[in-house]
C-alpha cells in the first residue's frame, strides 16, 4: 500500500468529519505517494519519536496532535528554529507525517474517547459519535477516592498524578468526562454531574475553575497527553485487526508528567 491509501482508509472511518470544510486531519509533512515501509503511531511526533522512526526505518508517522506547535504565522523565532530542525530529521528519513485527530478522537471502540472511558472502568452511557463527552453513575465515593483511582490509571501512560479543584471530601456518584482539549465543563453540565474529569488544555483557571468553585462542582484535572495516549497505543490494535499486513508500532513521545509537593 501507498501512504495515501492508508490515509484514505482512515478517512473512510470518519463519516462524521466535515472533510470538505474544516478538519485537523491532514498531511503535515512529506510525500504520501510513496510505498509504506513501516508505520509509527504517536500522540505527537516529538524529536524523540522521529529519531526512533529513523532508527527503525519507519517512513510514515501518524501523529494525533500537530507536530509543528501551532498553525499560526505569529510565532516565536525559537519555535521556527525548532520546526526547521524537526523538518530536517524528517527529510533525512524521507518520512511522511499525517495528523489523525478528528477521526481518532471519535472512532468507536479503538479511539481516544472510548479508550479513555474504558480505562476509567465505569459504565458510561452510549456516546454520540461526534461528541467528546460521556457520563456515568458511579459507586458513591469521595472526590479524593475518585482522584486516586484516576491517578492510578494514568500511570501506565506516563502521568504520575492529578490535581483537584473543589472539596475533595465531597461524596459524588454522577461523573461526566471529556477527552483531551474537549473538556468544556459547560457542555458537561447538560448531564447534571456532581463531579467532572477535565484536561489541562481544555479548561482555564479564570473561567472554568472559578465557575466550578463557585458552584461546588469538584473538578479533577488530568494532563491532555495522559488521557489520550492510551487511545493512540490502541491504534496499533486497530491496524492489526483491520490491516494485519501493515507493520505498525507505537512510538514513545517522552510525555512523562511528574508531580511534586
Protein backbone atom coordinates (compact mmCIF):
# COMPACT_ATOMS: atom_id res chain seq x y z
CA UNK A 1 0.00 0.00 0.00
CA UNK A 2 0.99 3.58 -0.52
CA UNK A 3 0.84 6.04 2.35
CA UNK A 4 -2.06 7.86 0.70
CA UNK A 5 -4.01 4.57 0.61
CA UNK A 6 -3.62 4.15 4.37
CA UNK A 7 -4.74 7.75 4.86
CA UNK A 8 -7.79 7.10 2.71
CA UNK A 9 -8.69 4.07 4.87
CA UNK A 10 -8.59 6.27 7.97
CA UNK A 11 -10.63 8.98 6.29
CA UNK A 12 -13.31 6.46 5.32
CA UNK A 13 -13.77 5.67 9.03
CA UNK A 14 -14.55 9.32 9.80
CA UNK A 15 -18.08 9.61 8.46
CA UNK A 16 -18.73 12.42 10.97
CA UNK A 17 -15.79 14.59 9.81
CA UNK A 18 -16.58 17.54 7.53
CA UNK A 19 -13.86 16.74 5.01
CA UNK A 20 -14.95 19.41 2.53
CA UNK A 21 -14.96 22.17 5.17
CA UNK A 22 -12.60 22.10 8.12
CA UNK A 23 -10.60 19.25 9.65
CA UNK A 24 -7.34 18.85 11.52
CA UNK A 25 -6.61 15.56 9.74
CA UNK A 26 -4.05 16.43 7.07
CA UNK A 27 -0.61 15.52 5.77
CA UNK A 28 1.74 17.77 7.74
CA UNK A 29 4.95 16.86 6.00
CA UNK A 30 6.42 14.70 3.26
CA UNK A 31 5.36 12.61 0.28
CA UNK A 32 2.23 10.47 0.71
CA UNK A 33 2.70 8.88 -2.73
CA UNK A 34 5.47 6.55 -1.54
CA UNK A 35 5.06 2.89 -0.56
CA UNK A 36 4.55 2.20 3.14
CA UNK A 37 7.55 0.52 4.74
CA UNK A 38 6.71 0.78 8.44
CA UNK A 39 4.20 2.91 10.34
CA UNK A 40 4.80 4.62 13.66
CA UNK A 41 1.84 5.99 15.63
CA UNK A 42 2.09 8.50 18.47
CA UNK A 43 0.23 11.20 20.38
CA UNK A 44 2.56 13.83 18.94
CA UNK A 45 5.71 13.36 16.85
CA UNK A 46 8.36 14.87 19.10
CA UNK A 47 12.01 14.78 18.05
CA UNK A 48 12.28 11.63 20.15
CA UNK A 49 9.59 9.96 18.02
CA UNK A 50 11.26 10.98 14.77
CA UNK A 51 14.65 9.70 15.95
CA UNK A 52 13.05 6.33 16.74
CA UNK A 53 11.47 6.31 13.28
CA UNK A 54 14.89 6.92 11.70
CA UNK A 55 16.42 4.05 13.69
CA UNK A 56 13.59 1.64 12.82
CA UNK A 57 13.23 2.50 9.12
CA UNK A 58 9.73 3.93 9.61
CA UNK A 59 8.67 6.17 6.72
CA UNK A 60 5.11 7.02 7.81
CA UNK A 61 4.24 8.62 11.15
CA UNK A 62 0.63 9.09 12.24
CA UNK A 63 0.52 11.83 14.88
CA UNK A 64 -2.62 12.74 16.80
CA UNK A 65 -1.54 16.32 17.51
CA UNK A 66 0.13 18.99 15.39
CA UNK A 67 3.90 18.38 15.36
CA UNK A 68 4.76 21.98 14.46
CA UNK A 69 3.49 23.59 17.68
CA UNK A 70 0.93 25.93 16.11
CA UNK A 71 -0.76 26.64 12.80
CA UNK A 72 -0.50 30.44 13.04
CA UNK A 73 2.18 32.64 11.45
CA UNK A 74 2.60 34.87 14.51
CA UNK A 75 5.15 32.54 16.08
CA UNK A 76 8.23 32.71 18.30
CA UNK A 77 11.54 32.67 16.41
CA UNK A 78 12.81 29.85 18.62
CA UNK A 79 9.78 27.77 17.65
CA UNK A 80 10.52 28.36 13.97
CA UNK A 81 14.09 27.17 14.54
CA UNK A 82 12.78 24.07 16.31
CA UNK A 83 10.34 23.38 13.44
CA UNK A 84 13.19 23.56 10.93
CA UNK A 85 15.25 21.10 12.97
CA UNK A 86 12.30 18.71 13.08
CA UNK A 87 11.81 19.00 9.31
CA UNK A 88 15.50 18.20 8.76
CA UNK A 89 15.10 15.00 10.78
CA UNK A 90 12.05 14.05 8.71
CA UNK A 91 13.81 14.76 5.41
CA UNK A 92 16.70 12.55 6.48
CA UNK A 93 14.42 9.52 6.50
CA UNK A 94 12.02 10.65 3.75
CA UNK A 95 9.29 10.42 6.39
CA UNK A 96 5.71 11.46 5.75
CA UNK A 97 3.66 12.69 8.72
CA UNK A 98 -0.12 12.59 8.80
CA UNK A 99 -2.21 14.08 11.58
CA UNK A 100 -5.10 11.79 12.51
CA UNK A 101 -7.06 13.78 15.09
CA UNK A 102 -10.73 14.24 14.26
CA UNK A 103 -11.13 10.61 13.23
CA UNK A 104 -9.17 9.15 16.13
CA UNK A 105 -10.83 11.20 18.85
CA UNK A 106 -14.23 9.75 17.97
CA UNK A 107 -13.81 6.41 16.20
CA UNK A 108 -15.81 3.88 18.25
CA UNK A 109 -14.01 1.32 20.43
CA UNK A 110 -10.49 1.96 19.12
CA UNK A 111 -10.25 5.72 19.53
CA UNK A 112 -9.25 8.17 22.21
CA UNK A 113 -12.68 8.90 23.73
CA UNK A 114 -13.80 5.31 24.15
CA UNK A 115 -10.40 4.02 25.31
CA UNK A 116 -10.23 6.75 27.98
CA UNK A 117 -13.71 5.84 29.23
CA UNK A 118 -12.89 2.13 29.23
CA UNK A 119 -9.68 2.69 31.20
CA UNK A 120 -11.66 4.53 33.89
CA UNK A 121 -13.72 1.37 34.31
CA UNK A 122 -17.23 2.82 34.79
CA UNK A 123 -20.45 2.04 32.94
CA UNK A 124 -20.70 5.11 30.73
CA UNK A 125 -23.82 5.81 28.71
CA UNK A 126 -23.55 5.50 24.94
CA UNK A 127 -21.63 8.41 23.41
CA UNK A 128 -22.87 10.34 20.40
CA UNK A 129 -20.38 9.60 17.61
CA UNK A 130 -19.27 13.21 17.21
CA UNK A 131 -19.16 14.01 20.94
CA UNK A 132 -16.17 14.12 23.27
CA UNK A 133 -18.41 13.78 26.34
CA UNK A 134 -19.68 10.83 28.35
CA UNK A 135 -21.31 10.35 31.73
CA UNK A 136 -21.92 7.55 34.19
CA UNK A 137 -23.45 6.78 37.56
CA UNK A 138 -20.51 5.52 39.64
CA UNK A 139 -20.33 3.91 43.09
CA UNK A 140 -20.68 6.65 45.72
CA UNK A 141 -17.23 7.78 46.84
CA UNK A 142 -15.35 10.88 47.86
CA UNK A 143 -13.69 13.07 45.26
CA UNK A 144 -10.37 12.13 46.87
CA UNK A 145 -11.03 8.42 46.31
CA UNK A 146 -12.03 9.04 42.69
CA UNK A 147 -8.96 11.21 42.08
CA UNK A 148 -6.67 8.46 43.42
CA UNK A 149 -8.40 5.95 41.13
CA UNK A 150 -7.84 8.21 38.11
CA UNK A 151 -4.23 8.81 39.10
CA UNK A 152 -3.51 5.08 39.32
CA UNK A 153 -4.99 4.52 35.85
CA UNK A 154 -2.83 7.24 34.30
CA UNK A 155 0.49 5.79 35.48
CA UNK A 156 0.74 3.33 32.60
CA UNK A 157 0.51 6.23 30.13
CA UNK A 158 3.13 8.48 31.70
CA UNK A 159 1.24 10.65 34.20
CA UNK A 160 2.03 10.28 37.89
CA UNK A 161 -0.89 12.18 39.41
CA UNK A 162 -3.82 14.55 39.06
CA UNK A 163 -4.92 17.74 40.77
CA UNK A 164 -8.33 18.78 42.00
CA UNK A 165 -10.36 21.98 42.31
CA UNK A 166 -13.04 21.87 45.00
CA UNK A 167 -13.99 19.83 48.05
CA UNK A 168 -12.06 16.55 47.96
CA UNK A 169 -14.19 15.16 50.81
CA UNK A 170 -17.48 15.60 48.97
CA UNK A 171 -19.27 12.34 48.15
CA UNK A 172 -20.14 12.01 44.48
CA UNK A 173 -21.85 9.49 42.21
CA UNK A 174 -22.57 11.17 38.85
CA UNK A 175 -19.43 11.61 36.75
CA UNK A 176 -19.01 13.44 33.46
CA UNK A 177 -15.82 13.33 31.40
CA UNK A 178 -14.42 14.78 28.22
CA UNK A 179 -11.30 13.86 26.29
CA UNK A 180 -8.16 15.91 25.81
CA UNK A 181 -8.86 19.54 25.00
CA UNK A 182 -12.54 18.63 24.51
CA UNK A 183 -13.35 19.07 28.20
CA UNK A 184 -15.68 22.06 28.32
CA UNK A 185 -17.41 21.81 31.71
CA UNK A 186 -20.37 23.78 30.35
CA UNK A 187 -21.00 21.01 27.83
CA UNK A 188 -20.81 18.51 30.70
CA UNK A 189 -23.36 20.42 32.77
CA UNK A 190 -26.06 19.04 30.45
CA UNK A 191 -25.55 15.69 32.23
CA UNK A 192 -26.08 17.26 35.68
CA UNK A 193 -22.85 15.80 37.11
CA UNK A 194 -21.67 16.20 40.68
CA UNK A 195 -18.02 15.74 39.64
CA UNK A 196 -16.13 16.12 36.33
CA UNK A 197 -12.81 14.99 34.90
CA UNK A 198 -11.21 17.52 32.57
CA UNK A 199 -7.85 18.02 30.86
CA UNK A 200 -5.47 20.91 31.44
CA UNK A 201 -5.62 22.10 27.82
CA UNK A 202 -9.42 22.09 27.89
CA UNK A 203 -10.04 24.47 30.79
CA UNK A 204 -8.94 27.84 32.10
CA UNK A 205 -8.42 28.82 35.71
CA UNK A 206 -10.10 32.21 35.37
CA UNK A 207 -13.32 30.78 33.87
CA UNK A 208 -13.83 27.03 34.32
CA UNK A 209 -12.09 26.58 37.66
CA UNK A 210 -13.69 29.72 39.08
CA UNK A 211 -17.15 28.56 37.99
CA UNK A 212 -16.56 25.08 39.40
CA UNK A 213 -15.51 26.51 42.77
CA UNK A 214 -18.42 28.96 42.89
CA UNK A 215 -20.91 26.19 42.09
CA UNK A 216 -19.48 23.36 44.22
CA UNK A 217 -18.55 21.19 41.22
CA UNK A 218 -15.34 19.28 42.03
CA UNK A 219 -13.06 19.19 39.01
CA UNK A 220 -10.35 16.52 38.61
CA UNK A 221 -7.69 17.76 36.19
CA UNK A 222 -5.50 15.41 34.14
CA UNK A 223 -2.89 16.14 31.51
CA UNK A 224 -4.02 16.32 27.86
CA UNK A 225 -1.48 13.70 26.79
CA UNK A 226 -2.15 11.47 29.79
CA UNK A 227 -5.79 10.85 28.95
CA UNK A 228 -5.23 10.42 25.20
CA UNK A 229 -2.06 8.36 24.83
CA UNK A 230 -3.93 5.13 25.61
CA UNK A 231 -6.08 5.72 22.55
CA UNK A 232 -3.02 6.14 20.35
CA UNK A 233 -1.45 2.95 21.69
CA UNK A 234 -4.71 1.29 20.70
CA UNK A 235 -4.28 2.45 17.10
CA UNK A 236 -1.76 -0.38 16.76
CA UNK A 237 -4.56 -2.83 17.62
CA UNK A 238 -6.81 -1.18 15.03
CA UNK A 239 -4.29 -1.75 12.27
CA UNK A 240 -3.53 -5.29 13.46
CA UNK A 241 -7.26 -6.10 13.30
CA UNK A 242 -8.11 -4.29 10.05
CA UNK A 243 -4.87 -4.37 8.04
CA UNK A 244 -2.63 -7.10 9.52
CA UNK A 245 -0.15 -6.95 6.62
CA UNK A 246 0.99 -3.47 7.70
CA UNK A 247 3.92 -3.16 10.09
CA UNK A 248 2.75 -0.74 12.80
CA UNK A 249 4.12 0.20 16.22
CA UNK A 250 3.61 2.83 18.88
CA UNK A 251 6.46 5.29 19.39
CA UNK A 252 7.15 6.79 22.82
CA UNK A 253 6.91 10.60 22.77
CA UNK A 254 8.58 11.45 26.08
CA UNK A 255 5.43 12.90 27.64
CA UNK A 256 6.07 11.77 31.21
CA UNK A 257 4.34 14.11 33.65
CA UNK A 258 5.67 14.23 37.23
CA UNK A 259 4.05 15.90 40.23
CA UNK A 260 5.86 17.31 43.29
CA UNK A 261 4.60 18.61 46.59
